[in-house]
Protein backbone atom coordinates (compact mmCIF):
# COMPACT_ATOMS: atom_id res chain seq x y z
CA UNK A 1 0.00 0.00 0.00
CA UNK A 2 2.91 2.40 0.64
CA UNK A 3 3.69 2.48 -3.10
CA UNK A 4 0.18 3.66 -4.04
CA UNK A 5 -0.53 7.40 -4.49
CA UNK A 6 -2.57 9.09 -1.78
CA UNK A 7 -5.73 9.34 -3.90
CA UNK A 8 -5.62 5.58 -4.63
CA UNK A 9 -5.22 4.76 -0.93
CA UNK A 10 -8.14 7.05 -0.06
CA UNK A 11 -10.35 5.54 -2.77
CA UNK A 12 -9.55 1.97 -1.69
CA UNK A 13 -10.26 2.76 1.95
CA UNK A 14 -13.58 4.44 1.12
CA UNK A 15 -14.55 1.55 -1.19
CA UNK A 16 -13.67 -1.01 1.50
CA UNK A 17 -15.82 0.80 4.05
CA UNK A 18 -18.70 1.00 1.54
CA UNK A 19 -18.37 -2.71 0.71
CA UNK A 20 -18.41 -3.73 4.38
CA UNK A 21 -21.50 -1.59 4.98
CA UNK A 22 -23.24 -3.21 1.98
CA UNK A 23 -22.37 -6.73 3.17
CA UNK A 24 -23.61 -6.06 6.70
CA UNK A 25 -26.81 -4.56 5.31
CA UNK A 26 -27.29 -7.56 3.01
CA UNK A 27 -26.88 -10.03 5.87
CA UNK A 28 -29.38 -8.10 7.96
CA UNK A 29 -32.09 -8.09 5.29
CA UNK A 30 -31.30 -11.48 3.72
CA UNK A 31 -33.73 -13.34 5.97
CA UNK A 32 -36.70 -11.18 5.03
CA UNK A 33 -35.65 -11.20 1.36
CA UNK A 34 -35.44 -15.01 1.40
CA UNK A 35 -38.94 -15.29 2.88
CA UNK A 36 -40.34 -13.00 0.20
CA UNK A 37 -38.60 -14.89 -2.62
CA UNK A 38 -39.74 -18.24 -1.23
CA UNK A 39 -43.32 -16.97 -1.03
CA UNK A 40 -43.15 -15.94 -4.68
CA UNK A 41 -41.68 -19.32 -5.66
CA UNK A 42 -44.45 -21.16 -3.83
CA UNK A 43 -47.08 -19.00 -5.50
CA UNK A 44 -45.64 -19.66 -8.97
CA UNK A 45 -45.42 -23.42 -8.34
CA UNK A 46 -49.03 -23.51 -7.12
CA UNK A 47 -50.14 -21.53 -10.18
CA UNK A 48 -48.31 -23.95 -12.48
CA UNK A 49 -49.97 -26.96 -10.85
CA UNK A 50 -53.42 -25.33 -10.96
CA UNK A 51 -53.09 -24.38 -14.63
CA UNK A 52 -52.08 -27.89 -15.68
CA UNK A 53 -54.82 -29.42 -13.53
CA UNK A 54 -57.39 -27.13 -15.17
CA UNK A 55 -56.17 -28.13 -18.64
CA UNK A 56 -56.46 -31.83 -17.79
CA UNK A 57 -59.84 -31.32 -16.15
CA UNK A 58 -61.23 -29.47 -19.18
CA UNK A 59 -59.84 -31.93 -21.74
CA UNK A 60 -62.55 -33.92 -23.48
CA UNK A 61 -60.36 -36.98 -23.72
CA UNK A 62 -57.67 -38.21 -21.37
CA UNK A 63 -54.14 -37.43 -22.44
CA UNK A 64 -52.10 -40.47 -23.32
CA UNK A 65 -48.95 -41.08 -21.33
CA UNK A 66 -46.64 -39.76 -24.07
CA UNK A 67 -48.69 -36.57 -24.43
CA UNK A 68 -48.64 -36.01 -20.69
CA UNK A 69 -44.90 -36.61 -20.57
CA UNK A 70 -44.23 -34.04 -23.31
CA UNK A 71 -46.54 -31.49 -21.70
CA UNK A 72 -44.91 -31.93 -18.29
CA UNK A 73 -41.42 -31.61 -19.80
CA UNK A 74 -42.31 -28.38 -21.61
CA UNK A 75 -43.87 -26.76 -18.55
CA UNK A 76 -41.12 -27.95 -16.22
CA UNK A 77 -38.48 -26.31 -18.41
CA UNK A 78 -40.17 -22.92 -18.12
CA UNK A 79 -38.49 -22.05 -14.79
CA UNK A 80 -35.12 -23.18 -13.41
CA UNK A 81 -36.35 -23.76 -9.84
CA UNK A 82 -39.24 -25.96 -10.94
CA UNK A 83 -37.73 -29.40 -10.34
CA UNK A 84 -40.51 -31.53 -11.76
CA UNK A 85 -44.18 -31.71 -12.67
CA UNK A 86 -45.91 -34.96 -11.81
CA UNK A 87 -49.37 -36.22 -12.79
CA UNK A 88 -51.20 -38.66 -10.52
CA UNK A 89 -54.21 -40.81 -11.40
CA UNK A 90 -56.76 -41.82 -8.79
CA UNK A 91 -57.12 -45.58 -9.18
CA UNK A 92 -58.55 -48.20 -6.83
CA UNK A 93 -58.95 -45.73 -4.00
CA UNK A 94 -55.45 -44.25 -4.10
CA UNK A 95 -53.31 -41.86 -6.10
CA UNK A 96 -50.80 -43.51 -8.44
CA UNK A 97 -48.08 -41.66 -10.35
CA UNK A 98 -48.60 -41.59 -14.12
CA UNK A 99 -45.82 -39.42 -15.52
CA UNK A 100 -43.18 -37.00 -14.26
CA UNK A 101 -40.99 -34.52 -16.11
CA UNK A 102 -37.93 -35.62 -14.11
CA UNK A 103 -37.72 -39.37 -13.59
CA UNK A 104 -34.70 -38.99 -11.30
CA UNK A 105 -36.87 -37.47 -8.58
CA UNK A 106 -37.81 -40.17 -6.06
CA UNK A 107 -41.53 -40.86 -5.85
CA UNK A 108 -43.05 -40.66 -2.40
CA UNK A 109 -46.51 -41.85 -1.52
CA UNK A 110 -48.89 -39.03 -0.79
CA UNK A 111 -49.48 -38.23 2.85
CA UNK A 112 -52.92 -39.11 4.12
CA UNK A 113 -53.65 -35.43 4.77
CA UNK A 114 -52.74 -34.54 1.16
CA UNK A 115 -54.87 -37.38 -0.25
CA UNK A 116 -57.86 -36.40 1.90
CA UNK A 117 -57.58 -32.76 0.80
CA UNK A 118 -57.39 -33.73 -2.87
CA UNK A 119 -60.42 -36.02 -2.56
CA UNK A 120 -62.34 -33.03 -1.23
CA UNK A 121 -61.29 -31.03 -4.28
CA UNK A 122 -58.88 -28.87 -2.30
CA UNK A 123 -55.24 -28.22 -3.15
CA UNK A 124 -52.53 -29.07 -0.66
CA UNK A 125 -48.81 -28.53 -0.14
CA UNK A 126 -45.87 -29.81 1.87
CA UNK A 127 -42.23 -28.78 2.35
CA UNK A 128 -39.54 -31.46 2.46
CA UNK A 129 -36.14 -30.51 3.85
CA UNK A 130 -33.46 -32.36 1.90
CA UNK A 131 -31.09 -34.45 4.04
CA UNK A 132 -27.53 -33.13 4.41
CA UNK A 133 -28.36 -30.09 2.28
CA UNK A 134 -29.16 -26.47 3.00
CA UNK A 135 -32.27 -26.35 0.86
CA UNK A 136 -35.77 -27.77 0.69
CA UNK A 137 -38.41 -28.83 -1.82
CA UNK A 138 -41.90 -27.37 -1.92
CA UNK A 139 -44.53 -29.84 -3.17
CA UNK A 140 -47.90 -28.43 -4.16
CA UNK A 141 -50.88 -30.46 -5.39
CA UNK A 142 -53.95 -29.49 -7.38
CA UNK A 143 -56.86 -31.89 -8.01
CA UNK A 144 -58.04 -32.98 -11.47
CA UNK A 145 -61.83 -33.00 -11.55
CA UNK A 146 -63.93 -34.48 -14.38
CA UNK A 147 -67.72 -34.58 -14.23
CA UNK A 148 -67.60 -33.77 -10.55
CA UNK A 149 -65.31 -36.69 -9.78
CA UNK A 150 -61.69 -36.58 -8.63
CA UNK A 151 -59.73 -38.42 -11.31
CA UNK A 152 -56.20 -37.44 -10.34
CA UNK A 153 -53.90 -34.63 -9.30
CA UNK A 154 -51.04 -32.51 -10.56
CA UNK A 155 -47.95 -32.04 -8.40
CA UNK A 156 -45.37 -29.29 -8.87
CA UNK A 157 -42.05 -29.62 -7.04
CA UNK A 158 -40.16 -26.36 -6.49
CA UNK A 159 -36.64 -25.99 -5.10
CA UNK A 160 -36.77 -23.07 -2.68
CA UNK A 161 -33.93 -20.59 -2.55
CA UNK A 162 -32.21 -20.38 0.83
CA UNK A 163 -30.80 -17.44 2.77
CA UNK A 164 -27.23 -18.52 1.96
CA UNK A 165 -27.86 -18.96 -1.77
CA UNK A 166 -29.53 -15.55 -2.00
CA UNK A 167 -26.73 -13.90 -0.02
CA UNK A 168 -23.96 -15.40 -2.16
CA UNK A 169 -25.84 -14.46 -5.33
CA UNK A 170 -25.94 -10.81 -4.30
CA UNK A 171 -22.35 -10.86 -3.02
CA UNK A 172 -21.23 -11.82 -6.53
CA UNK A 173 -23.07 -8.82 -7.92
CA UNK A 174 -21.67 -6.59 -5.19
CA UNK A 175 -18.15 -7.55 -6.27
CA UNK A 176 -18.74 -5.90 -9.64
CA UNK A 177 -20.27 -2.89 -7.93
CA UNK A 178 -17.19 -2.65 -5.71
CA UNK A 179 -14.81 -2.75 -8.69
CA UNK A 180 -16.74 0.00 -10.44
CA UNK A 181 -16.85 1.98 -7.21
CA UNK A 182 -13.07 1.73 -6.79
CA UNK A 183 -12.54 2.90 -10.39
CA UNK A 184 -14.85 5.91 -10.23
CA UNK A 185 -13.77 6.90 -6.72
CA UNK A 186 -10.12 6.70 -7.78
CA UNK A 187 -10.82 9.01 -10.72
CA UNK A 188 -12.79 11.41 -8.52
CA UNK A 189 -10.15 11.49 -5.78
CA UNK A 190 -7.39 11.96 -8.37
CA UNK A 191 -9.10 15.06 -9.79
CA UNK A 192 -9.79 16.36 -6.28
CA UNK A 193 -6.27 15.75 -4.99
CA UNK A 194 -4.78 17.10 -8.23
CA UNK A 195 -6.51 20.42 -7.68
CA UNK A 196 -6.22 20.72 -3.90
CA UNK A 197 -2.87 19.07 -3.17
CA UNK A 198 -0.75 17.97 -6.12
CA UNK A 199 -0.75 21.24 -8.10
CA UNK A 200 -0.19 23.54 -5.06
CA UNK A 201 2.49 21.18 -3.77
CA UNK A 202 4.19 21.21 -7.17
CA UNK A 203 4.23 25.00 -7.25
CA UNK A 204 5.60 25.10 -3.70
CA UNK A 205 8.43 22.70 -4.56
CA UNK A 206 9.24 24.72 -7.66
CA UNK A 207 9.40 27.89 -5.55
CA UNK A 208 11.71 26.15 -3.08
CA UNK A 209 14.03 25.14 -5.91
CA UNK A 210 14.09 28.73 -7.16
CA UNK A 211 14.82 29.97 -3.62
CA UNK A 212 17.79 27.64 -3.37
CA UNK A 213 19.33 29.29 -6.44
CA UNK A 214 19.00 32.66 -4.76
CA UNK A 215 16.30 33.97 -7.08
CA UNK A 216 13.90 34.64 -4.21
CA UNK A 217 12.10 37.49 -6.02
CA UNK A 218 11.25 35.25 -8.94
CA UNK A 219 10.13 32.48 -6.60
CA UNK A 220 7.79 34.79 -4.68
CA UNK A 221 6.36 36.30 -7.86
CA UNK A 222 5.75 32.83 -9.27
CA UNK A 223 3.90 31.86 -6.11
CA UNK A 224 1.66 34.93 -6.37
CA UNK A 225 0.73 34.02 -9.92
C-alpha atoms as a PDB file:
ATOM      1  CA  UNK A   1       0.000   0.000   0.000  1.00  0.00           C
ATOM      2  CA  UNK A   2       2.911   2.396   0.636  1.00  0.00           C
ATOM      3  CA  UNK A   3       3.686   2.480  -3.099  1.00  0.00           C
ATOM      4  CA  UNK A   4       0.179   3.660  -4.043  1.00  0.00           C
ATOM      5  CA  UNK A   5      -0.527   7.402  -4.491  1.00  0.00           C
ATOM      6  CA  UNK A   6      -2.568   9.092  -1.782  1.00  0.00           C
ATOM      7  CA  UNK A   7      -5.731   9.341  -3.899  1.00  0.00           C
ATOM      8  CA  UNK A   8      -5.618   5.584  -4.630  1.00  0.00           C
ATOM      9  CA  UNK A   9      -5.220   4.764  -0.934  1.00  0.00           C
ATOM     10  CA  UNK A  10      -8.145   7.048  -0.057  1.00  0.00           C
ATOM     11  CA  UNK A  11     -10.354   5.538  -2.773  1.00  0.00           C
ATOM     12  CA  UNK A  12      -9.546   1.972  -1.694  1.00  0.00           C
ATOM     13  CA  UNK A  13     -10.256   2.764   1.947  1.00  0.00           C
ATOM     14  CA  UNK A  14     -13.579   4.443   1.118  1.00  0.00           C
ATOM     15  CA  UNK A  15     -14.546   1.548  -1.192  1.00  0.00           C
ATOM     16  CA  UNK A  16     -13.674  -1.013   1.497  1.00  0.00           C
ATOM     17  CA  UNK A  17     -15.824   0.801   4.048  1.00  0.00           C
ATOM     18  CA  UNK A  18     -18.698   0.998   1.537  1.00  0.00           C
ATOM     19  CA  UNK A  19     -18.373  -2.710   0.708  1.00  0.00           C
ATOM     20  CA  UNK A  20     -18.409  -3.727   4.377  1.00  0.00           C
ATOM     21  CA  UNK A  21     -21.505  -1.591   4.980  1.00  0.00           C
ATOM     22  CA  UNK A  22     -23.240  -3.208   1.985  1.00  0.00           C
ATOM     23  CA  UNK A  23     -22.371  -6.729   3.170  1.00  0.00           C
ATOM     24  CA  UNK A  24     -23.614  -6.059   6.704  1.00  0.00           C
ATOM     25  CA  UNK A  25     -26.812  -4.563   5.309  1.00  0.00           C
ATOM     26  CA  UNK A  26     -27.293  -7.556   3.011  1.00  0.00           C
ATOM     27  CA  UNK A  27     -26.878 -10.026   5.870  1.00  0.00           C
ATOM     28  CA  UNK A  28     -29.381  -8.104   7.960  1.00  0.00           C
ATOM     29  CA  UNK A  29     -32.091  -8.085   5.294  1.00  0.00           C
ATOM     30  CA  UNK A  30     -31.297 -11.483   3.716  1.00  0.00           C
ATOM     31  CA  UNK A  31     -33.731 -13.344   5.968  1.00  0.00           C
ATOM     32  CA  UNK A  32     -36.702 -11.178   5.030  1.00  0.00           C
ATOM     33  CA  UNK A  33     -35.650 -11.204   1.359  1.00  0.00           C
ATOM     34  CA  UNK A  34     -35.440 -15.011   1.405  1.00  0.00           C
ATOM     35  CA  UNK A  35     -38.937 -15.290   2.880  1.00  0.00           C
ATOM     36  CA  UNK A  36     -40.341 -13.003   0.201  1.00  0.00           C
ATOM     37  CA  UNK A  37     -38.602 -14.891  -2.620  1.00  0.00           C
ATOM     38  CA  UNK A  38     -39.743 -18.240  -1.227  1.00  0.00           C
ATOM     39  CA  UNK A  39     -43.322 -16.972  -1.030  1.00  0.00           C
ATOM     40  CA  UNK A  40     -43.152 -15.943  -4.684  1.00  0.00           C
ATOM     41  CA  UNK A  41     -41.680 -19.320  -5.663  1.00  0.00           C
ATOM     42  CA  UNK A  42     -44.446 -21.164  -3.828  1.00  0.00           C
ATOM     43  CA  UNK A  43     -47.082 -19.003  -5.504  1.00  0.00           C
ATOM     44  CA  UNK A  44     -45.643 -19.664  -8.974  1.00  0.00           C
ATOM     45  CA  UNK A  45     -45.419 -23.416  -8.340  1.00  0.00           C
ATOM     46  CA  UNK A  46     -49.034 -23.506  -7.121  1.00  0.00           C
ATOM     47  CA  UNK A  47     -50.144 -21.534 -10.177  1.00  0.00           C
ATOM     48  CA  UNK A  48     -48.308 -23.949 -12.482  1.00  0.00           C
ATOM     49  CA  UNK A  49     -49.967 -26.956 -10.852  1.00  0.00           C
ATOM     50  CA  UNK A  50     -53.419 -25.328 -10.957  1.00  0.00           C
ATOM     51  CA  UNK A  51     -53.085 -24.379 -14.626  1.00  0.00           C
ATOM     52  CA  UNK A  52     -52.080 -27.888 -15.681  1.00  0.00           C
ATOM     53  CA  UNK A  53     -54.824 -29.421 -13.529  1.00  0.00           C
ATOM     54  CA  UNK A  54     -57.393 -27.130 -15.169  1.00  0.00           C
ATOM     55  CA  UNK A  55     -56.171 -28.134 -18.636  1.00  0.00           C
ATOM     56  CA  UNK A  56     -56.455 -31.827 -17.791  1.00  0.00           C
ATOM     57  CA  UNK A  57     -59.842 -31.316 -16.153  1.00  0.00           C
ATOM     58  CA  UNK A  58     -61.231 -29.470 -19.182  1.00  0.00           C
ATOM     59  CA  UNK A  59     -59.836 -31.929 -21.743  1.00  0.00           C
ATOM     60  CA  UNK A  60     -62.550 -33.919 -23.476  1.00  0.00           C
ATOM     61  CA  UNK A  61     -60.358 -36.984 -23.722  1.00  0.00           C
ATOM     62  CA  UNK A  62     -57.672 -38.215 -21.374  1.00  0.00           C
ATOM     63  CA  UNK A  63     -54.138 -37.426 -22.435  1.00  0.00           C
ATOM     64  CA  UNK A  64     -52.099 -40.474 -23.319  1.00  0.00           C
ATOM     65  CA  UNK A  65     -48.953 -41.083 -21.330  1.00  0.00           C
ATOM     66  CA  UNK A  66     -46.643 -39.762 -24.068  1.00  0.00           C
ATOM     67  CA  UNK A  67     -48.689 -36.573 -24.429  1.00  0.00           C
ATOM     68  CA  UNK A  68     -48.645 -36.011 -20.691  1.00  0.00           C
ATOM     69  CA  UNK A  69     -44.900 -36.607 -20.572  1.00  0.00           C
ATOM     70  CA  UNK A  70     -44.229 -34.043 -23.309  1.00  0.00           C
ATOM     71  CA  UNK A  71     -46.537 -31.489 -21.698  1.00  0.00           C
ATOM     72  CA  UNK A  72     -44.906 -31.927 -18.288  1.00  0.00           C
ATOM     73  CA  UNK A  73     -41.420 -31.613 -19.799  1.00  0.00           C
ATOM     74  CA  UNK A  74     -42.310 -28.379 -21.612  1.00  0.00           C
ATOM     75  CA  UNK A  75     -43.871 -26.762 -18.553  1.00  0.00           C
ATOM     76  CA  UNK A  76     -41.121 -27.949 -16.219  1.00  0.00           C
ATOM     77  CA  UNK A  77     -38.476 -26.312 -18.407  1.00  0.00           C
ATOM     78  CA  UNK A  78     -40.168 -22.917 -18.124  1.00  0.00           C
ATOM     79  CA  UNK A  79     -38.493 -22.055 -14.795  1.00  0.00           C
ATOM     80  CA  UNK A  80     -35.120 -23.183 -13.413  1.00  0.00           C
ATOM     81  CA  UNK A  81     -36.352 -23.756  -9.838  1.00  0.00           C
ATOM     82  CA  UNK A  82     -39.243 -25.963 -10.938  1.00  0.00           C
ATOM     83  CA  UNK A  83     -37.733 -29.396 -10.344  1.00  0.00           C
ATOM     84  CA  UNK A  84     -40.506 -31.529 -11.758  1.00  0.00           C
ATOM     85  CA  UNK A  85     -44.180 -31.710 -12.668  1.00  0.00           C
ATOM     86  CA  UNK A  86     -45.915 -34.958 -11.814  1.00  0.00           C
ATOM     87  CA  UNK A  87     -49.366 -36.217 -12.794  1.00  0.00           C
ATOM     88  CA  UNK A  88     -51.196 -38.660 -10.521  1.00  0.00           C
ATOM     89  CA  UNK A  89     -54.206 -40.805 -11.400  1.00  0.00           C
ATOM     90  CA  UNK A  90     -56.757 -41.817  -8.793  1.00  0.00           C
ATOM     91  CA  UNK A  91     -57.122 -45.582  -9.178  1.00  0.00           C
ATOM     92  CA  UNK A  92     -58.553 -48.205  -6.829  1.00  0.00           C
ATOM     93  CA  UNK A  93     -58.955 -45.734  -4.001  1.00  0.00           C
ATOM     94  CA  UNK A  94     -55.448 -44.245  -4.096  1.00  0.00           C
ATOM     95  CA  UNK A  95     -53.310 -41.863  -6.103  1.00  0.00           C
ATOM     96  CA  UNK A  96     -50.802 -43.512  -8.444  1.00  0.00           C
ATOM     97  CA  UNK A  97     -48.082 -41.662 -10.351  1.00  0.00           C
ATOM     98  CA  UNK A  98     -48.604 -41.590 -14.118  1.00  0.00           C
ATOM     99  CA  UNK A  99     -45.817 -39.423 -15.520  1.00  0.00           C
ATOM    100  CA  UNK A 100     -43.178 -37.000 -14.262  1.00  0.00           C
ATOM    101  CA  UNK A 101     -40.986 -34.521 -16.110  1.00  0.00           C
ATOM    102  CA  UNK A 102     -37.927 -35.621 -14.107  1.00  0.00           C
ATOM    103  CA  UNK A 103     -37.722 -39.367 -13.585  1.00  0.00           C
ATOM    104  CA  UNK A 104     -34.699 -38.990 -11.299  1.00  0.00           C
ATOM    105  CA  UNK A 105     -36.872 -37.470  -8.579  1.00  0.00           C
ATOM    106  CA  UNK A 106     -37.806 -40.174  -6.060  1.00  0.00           C
ATOM    107  CA  UNK A 107     -41.533 -40.857  -5.849  1.00  0.00           C
ATOM    108  CA  UNK A 108     -43.047 -40.659  -2.398  1.00  0.00           C
ATOM    109  CA  UNK A 109     -46.514 -41.852  -1.519  1.00  0.00           C
ATOM    110  CA  UNK A 110     -48.894 -39.028  -0.786  1.00  0.00           C
ATOM    111  CA  UNK A 111     -49.484 -38.229   2.846  1.00  0.00           C
ATOM    112  CA  UNK A 112     -52.919 -39.107   4.116  1.00  0.00           C
ATOM    113  CA  UNK A 113     -53.648 -35.432   4.771  1.00  0.00           C
ATOM    114  CA  UNK A 114     -52.739 -34.543   1.156  1.00  0.00           C
ATOM    115  CA  UNK A 115     -54.866 -37.379  -0.250  1.00  0.00           C
ATOM    116  CA  UNK A 116     -57.858 -36.400   1.902  1.00  0.00           C
ATOM    117  CA  UNK A 117     -57.581 -32.762   0.803  1.00  0.00           C
ATOM    118  CA  UNK A 118     -57.392 -33.731  -2.870  1.00  0.00           C
ATOM    119  CA  UNK A 119     -60.420 -36.023  -2.564  1.00  0.00           C
ATOM    120  CA  UNK A 120     -62.341 -33.030  -1.229  1.00  0.00           C
ATOM    121  CA  UNK A 121     -61.291 -31.028  -4.284  1.00  0.00           C
ATOM    122  CA  UNK A 122     -58.879 -28.869  -2.297  1.00  0.00           C
ATOM    123  CA  UNK A 123     -55.244 -28.215  -3.154  1.00  0.00           C
ATOM    124  CA  UNK A 124     -52.525 -29.073  -0.662  1.00  0.00           C
ATOM    125  CA  UNK A 125     -48.812 -28.526  -0.144  1.00  0.00           C
ATOM    126  CA  UNK A 126     -45.865 -29.815   1.867  1.00  0.00           C
ATOM    127  CA  UNK A 127     -42.232 -28.782   2.350  1.00  0.00           C
ATOM    128  CA  UNK A 128     -39.540 -31.459   2.458  1.00  0.00           C
ATOM    129  CA  UNK A 129     -36.141 -30.509   3.854  1.00  0.00           C
ATOM    130  CA  UNK A 130     -33.464 -32.358   1.899  1.00  0.00           C
ATOM    131  CA  UNK A 131     -31.088 -34.446   4.042  1.00  0.00           C
ATOM    132  CA  UNK A 132     -27.529 -33.129   4.407  1.00  0.00           C
ATOM    133  CA  UNK A 133     -28.358 -30.087   2.278  1.00  0.00           C
ATOM    134  CA  UNK A 134     -29.156 -26.470   3.004  1.00  0.00           C
ATOM    135  CA  UNK A 135     -32.272 -26.349   0.858  1.00  0.00           C
ATOM    136  CA  UNK A 136     -35.774 -27.765   0.691  1.00  0.00           C
ATOM    137  CA  UNK A 137     -38.405 -28.831  -1.819  1.00  0.00           C
ATOM    138  CA  UNK A 138     -41.896 -27.373  -1.924  1.00  0.00           C
ATOM    139  CA  UNK A 139     -44.529 -29.836  -3.172  1.00  0.00           C
ATOM    140  CA  UNK A 140     -47.895 -28.432  -4.158  1.00  0.00           C
ATOM    141  CA  UNK A 141     -50.879 -30.463  -5.390  1.00  0.00           C
ATOM    142  CA  UNK A 142     -53.946 -29.487  -7.377  1.00  0.00           C
ATOM    143  CA  UNK A 143     -56.857 -31.888  -8.009  1.00  0.00           C
ATOM    144  CA  UNK A 144     -58.038 -32.976 -11.471  1.00  0.00           C
ATOM    145  CA  UNK A 145     -61.832 -33.005 -11.554  1.00  0.00           C
ATOM    146  CA  UNK A 146     -63.929 -34.480 -14.376  1.00  0.00           C
ATOM    147  CA  UNK A 147     -67.721 -34.584 -14.233  1.00  0.00           C
ATOM    148  CA  UNK A 148     -67.601 -33.769 -10.548  1.00  0.00           C
ATOM    149  CA  UNK A 149     -65.312 -36.688  -9.784  1.00  0.00           C
ATOM    150  CA  UNK A 150     -61.694 -36.582  -8.629  1.00  0.00           C
ATOM    151  CA  UNK A 151     -59.725 -38.418 -11.308  1.00  0.00           C
ATOM    152  CA  UNK A 152     -56.199 -37.437 -10.337  1.00  0.00           C
ATOM    153  CA  UNK A 153     -53.905 -34.628  -9.300  1.00  0.00           C
ATOM    154  CA  UNK A 154     -51.038 -32.507 -10.557  1.00  0.00           C
ATOM    155  CA  UNK A 155     -47.951 -32.039  -8.397  1.00  0.00           C
ATOM    156  CA  UNK A 156     -45.371 -29.292  -8.871  1.00  0.00           C
ATOM    157  CA  UNK A 157     -42.048 -29.622  -7.039  1.00  0.00           C
ATOM    158  CA  UNK A 158     -40.157 -26.363  -6.490  1.00  0.00           C
ATOM    159  CA  UNK A 159     -36.636 -25.994  -5.096  1.00  0.00           C
ATOM    160  CA  UNK A 160     -36.767 -23.070  -2.685  1.00  0.00           C
ATOM    161  CA  UNK A 161     -33.933 -20.586  -2.550  1.00  0.00           C
ATOM    162  CA  UNK A 162     -32.209 -20.384   0.835  1.00  0.00           C
ATOM    163  CA  UNK A 163     -30.797 -17.442   2.775  1.00  0.00           C
ATOM    164  CA  UNK A 164     -27.230 -18.522   1.965  1.00  0.00           C
ATOM    165  CA  UNK A 165     -27.862 -18.959  -1.771  1.00  0.00           C
ATOM    166  CA  UNK A 166     -29.534 -15.548  -2.004  1.00  0.00           C
ATOM    167  CA  UNK A 167     -26.727 -13.899  -0.019  1.00  0.00           C
ATOM    168  CA  UNK A 168     -23.961 -15.404  -2.162  1.00  0.00           C
ATOM    169  CA  UNK A 169     -25.843 -14.457  -5.331  1.00  0.00           C
ATOM    170  CA  UNK A 170     -25.939 -10.813  -4.295  1.00  0.00           C
ATOM    171  CA  UNK A 171     -22.355 -10.863  -3.023  1.00  0.00           C
ATOM    172  CA  UNK A 172     -21.225 -11.824  -6.532  1.00  0.00           C
ATOM    173  CA  UNK A 173     -23.075  -8.819  -7.923  1.00  0.00           C
ATOM    174  CA  UNK A 174     -21.674  -6.593  -5.192  1.00  0.00           C
ATOM    175  CA  UNK A 175     -18.155  -7.548  -6.274  1.00  0.00           C
ATOM    176  CA  UNK A 176     -18.738  -5.897  -9.644  1.00  0.00           C
ATOM    177  CA  UNK A 177     -20.265  -2.888  -7.930  1.00  0.00           C
ATOM    178  CA  UNK A 178     -17.191  -2.652  -5.712  1.00  0.00           C
ATOM    179  CA  UNK A 179     -14.812  -2.748  -8.687  1.00  0.00           C
ATOM    180  CA  UNK A 180     -16.737   0.001 -10.444  1.00  0.00           C
ATOM    181  CA  UNK A 181     -16.848   1.985  -7.209  1.00  0.00           C
ATOM    182  CA  UNK A 182     -13.071   1.730  -6.791  1.00  0.00           C
ATOM    183  CA  UNK A 183     -12.537   2.897 -10.385  1.00  0.00           C
ATOM    184  CA  UNK A 184     -14.849   5.911 -10.231  1.00  0.00           C
ATOM    185  CA  UNK A 185     -13.770   6.898  -6.723  1.00  0.00           C
ATOM    186  CA  UNK A 186     -10.116   6.698  -7.780  1.00  0.00           C
ATOM    187  CA  UNK A 187     -10.817   9.011 -10.719  1.00  0.00           C
ATOM    188  CA  UNK A 188     -12.791  11.407  -8.515  1.00  0.00           C
ATOM    189  CA  UNK A 189     -10.154  11.487  -5.775  1.00  0.00           C
ATOM    190  CA  UNK A 190      -7.394  11.960  -8.365  1.00  0.00           C
ATOM    191  CA  UNK A 191      -9.100  15.063  -9.787  1.00  0.00           C
ATOM    192  CA  UNK A 192      -9.793  16.355  -6.277  1.00  0.00           C
ATOM    193  CA  UNK A 193      -6.268  15.750  -4.993  1.00  0.00           C
ATOM    194  CA  UNK A 194      -4.776  17.096  -8.227  1.00  0.00           C
ATOM    195  CA  UNK A 195      -6.515  20.418  -7.680  1.00  0.00           C
ATOM    196  CA  UNK A 196      -6.223  20.724  -3.902  1.00  0.00           C
ATOM    197  CA  UNK A 197      -2.865  19.071  -3.172  1.00  0.00           C
ATOM    198  CA  UNK A 198      -0.750  17.972  -6.119  1.00  0.00           C
ATOM    199  CA  UNK A 199      -0.745  21.243  -8.097  1.00  0.00           C
ATOM    200  CA  UNK A 200      -0.193  23.539  -5.060  1.00  0.00           C
ATOM    201  CA  UNK A 201       2.488  21.183  -3.775  1.00  0.00           C
ATOM    202  CA  UNK A 202       4.191  21.214  -7.166  1.00  0.00           C
ATOM    203  CA  UNK A 203       4.227  25.005  -7.248  1.00  0.00           C
ATOM    204  CA  UNK A 204       5.604  25.096  -3.699  1.00  0.00           C
ATOM    205  CA  UNK A 205       8.435  22.700  -4.564  1.00  0.00           C
ATOM    206  CA  UNK A 206       9.242  24.723  -7.663  1.00  0.00           C
ATOM    207  CA  UNK A 207       9.396  27.886  -5.554  1.00  0.00           C
ATOM    208  CA  UNK A 208      11.711  26.148  -3.083  1.00  0.00           C
ATOM    209  CA  UNK A 209      14.029  25.143  -5.914  1.00  0.00           C
ATOM    210  CA  UNK A 210      14.087  28.732  -7.160  1.00  0.00           C
ATOM    211  CA  UNK A 211      14.819  29.973  -3.622  1.00  0.00           C
ATOM    212  CA  UNK A 212      17.794  27.641  -3.371  1.00  0.00           C
ATOM    213  CA  UNK A 213      19.330  29.288  -6.441  1.00  0.00           C
ATOM    214  CA  UNK A 214      18.996  32.662  -4.763  1.00  0.00           C
ATOM    215  CA  UNK A 215      16.298  33.969  -7.080  1.00  0.00           C
ATOM    216  CA  UNK A 216      13.897  34.645  -4.211  1.00  0.00           C
ATOM    217  CA  UNK A 217      12.100  37.491  -6.021  1.00  0.00           C
ATOM    218  CA  UNK A 218      11.247  35.248  -8.940  1.00  0.00           C
ATOM    219  CA  UNK A 219      10.126  32.476  -6.602  1.00  0.00           C
ATOM    220  CA  UNK A 220       7.793  34.788  -4.684  1.00  0.00           C
ATOM    221  CA  UNK A 221       6.360  36.305  -7.860  1.00  0.00           C
ATOM    222  CA  UNK A 222       5.752  32.827  -9.267  1.00  0.00           C
ATOM    223  CA  UNK A 223       3.898  31.862  -6.107  1.00  0.00           C
ATOM    224  CA  UNK A 224       1.657  34.935  -6.369  1.00  0.00           C
ATOM    225  CA  UNK A 225       0.726  34.017  -9.924  1.00  0.00           C
END
